[in-house]
Amino acid sequence: MSLRTFTTRSGKPWTPRYLLSISDELCIGCGRCYKVCTQGVLELKGINEDGEMCDPFDDGEDIERKVMTVANEGDCIGCGSCETVCGTKAQKHESMAA
């Protein structure tokens, strides 16, 4: 299988690794990945006492913890910045077939 590959300005081949998912069990909601993503791919969500995703900024909701989620998967350019800063390795990335 051939992978989607591009070239850098210097002519070096580069294969993007796109963000597929973030484990809500491993994610600690630190926001590092959100800060480095320039494409608006990520969104912070809360997890309530029932284990359901909810708005983390809703004052009426009892939030147990916050996690990052993939909100706009199609906007990921595969740069890998979010993967680099994730201290818990909560993210799953994959190259795409050509």
Protein backbone atom coordinates (compact mmCIF):
# COMPACT_ATOMS: atom_id res chain seq x y z
CA MET A 1 0.00 0.00 0.00
CA SER A 2 1.33 3.39 -0.99
CA LEU A 3 0.92 6.24 1.51
CA ARG A 4 -0.02 9.84 0.77
CA THR A 5 3.32 11.65 0.67
CA PHE A 6 4.26 15.25 0.01
CA THR A 7 7.56 17.10 -0.25
CA THR A 8 8.91 19.88 1.92
CA ARG A 9 10.36 23.06 0.43
CA SER A 10 13.78 21.45 0.48
CA GLY A 11 12.47 18.48 -1.53
CA LYS A 12 12.51 16.01 1.36
CA PRO A 13 9.53 13.57 1.37
CA TRP A 14 7.02 13.97 4.20
CA THR A 15 4.13 11.66 5.13
CA PRO A 16 1.41 13.30 7.24
CA ARG A 17 -0.09 11.39 10.18
CA TYR A 18 -3.71 12.45 10.68
CA LEU A 19 -5.45 12.56 14.07
CA LEU A 20 -8.13 9.86 14.24
CA SER A 21 -9.18 9.83 17.90
CA ILE A 22 -8.34 10.79 21.46
CA SER A 23 -8.83 8.31 24.30
CA ASP A 24 -11.06 9.89 26.94
CA GLU A 25 -9.58 7.44 29.44
CA LEU A 26 -6.00 8.62 28.86
CA CYS A 27 -6.64 12.31 28.15
CA ILE A 28 -6.21 14.57 31.19
CA GLY A 29 -7.70 17.67 29.53
CA CYS A 30 -4.53 19.74 29.89
CA GLY A 31 -5.15 21.58 26.60
CA ARG A 32 -1.61 21.39 25.23
CA CYS A 33 -2.81 19.83 21.97
CA TYR A 34 -5.53 22.47 21.63
CA LYS A 35 -2.96 25.25 21.96
CA VAL A 36 -0.69 23.91 19.20
CA CYS A 37 -3.41 23.01 16.68
CA THR A 38 -3.69 25.78 14.09
CA GLN A 39 -6.57 24.13 12.21
CA GLY A 40 -9.36 24.10 14.84
CA VAL A 41 -9.54 20.30 14.92
CA LEU A 42 -9.95 19.91 18.69
CA GLU A 43 -12.63 20.79 21.22
CA LEU A 44 -12.68 20.58 25.02
CA LYS A 45 -15.57 18.60 26.52
CA GLY A 46 -16.64 17.79 30.04
CA ILE A 47 -17.53 14.37 31.40
CA ASN A 48 -20.35 14.44 33.94
CA GLU A 49 -21.02 12.09 36.82
CA ASP A 50 -22.93 9.75 34.47
CA GLY A 51 -19.90 9.44 32.17
CA GLU A 52 -21.56 11.46 29.40
CA MET A 53 -19.90 14.19 27.34
CA CYS A 54 -21.21 17.67 28.06
CA ASP A 55 -20.39 21.36 27.75
CA PRO A 56 -17.46 22.02 30.10
CA PHE A 57 -18.54 25.64 30.58
CA ASP A 58 -22.16 24.93 31.61
CA ASP A 59 -22.48 26.05 35.23
CA GLY A 60 -25.52 23.81 35.78
CA GLU A 61 -23.64 20.64 34.88
CA ASP A 62 -21.66 18.64 37.46
CA ILE A 63 -18.43 17.98 35.61
CA GLU A 64 -16.07 15.36 36.99
CA ARG A 65 -13.27 16.05 34.52
CA LYS A 66 -12.46 17.55 31.14
CA VAL A 67 -11.09 15.85 28.03
CA MET A 68 -10.11 16.90 24.53
CA THR A 69 -12.13 15.55 21.59
CA VAL A 70 -11.77 15.54 17.81
CA ALA A 71 -14.38 18.03 16.62
CA ASN A 72 -13.31 18.62 13.01
CA GLU A 73 -11.43 15.52 11.88
CA GLY A 74 -11.46 16.56 8.23
CA ASP A 75 -9.53 19.76 8.98
CA CYS A 76 -6.46 17.91 10.30
CA ILE A 77 -3.40 18.48 8.09
CA GLY A 78 -1.35 15.71 9.72
CA CYS A 79 1.40 17.94 11.09
CA GLY A 80 1.76 15.89 14.29
CA SER A 81 2.07 18.88 16.65
CA CYS A 82 -0.70 17.61 18.93
CA GLU A 83 0.91 14.17 19.11
CA THR A 84 4.25 15.71 20.04
CA VAL A 85 2.91 17.65 23.04
CA CYS A 86 0.58 14.95 24.41
CA GLY A 87 2.18 13.73 27.63
CA THR A 88 -0.18 10.77 28.06
CA LYS A 89 -0.07 9.47 24.47
CA ALA A 90 -3.88 9.63 24.37
CA GLN A 91 -4.07 10.32 20.65
CA LYS A 92 -4.24 7.90 17.74
CA HIS A 93 -2.72 9.05 14.43
CA GLU A 94 -2.47 7.29 11.10
CA SER A 95 -1.08 7.96 7.64
CA MET A 96 -3.52 7.91 4.76
CA ALA A 97 -3.32 5.76 1.63
CA ALA A 98 -2.54 7.60 -1.58
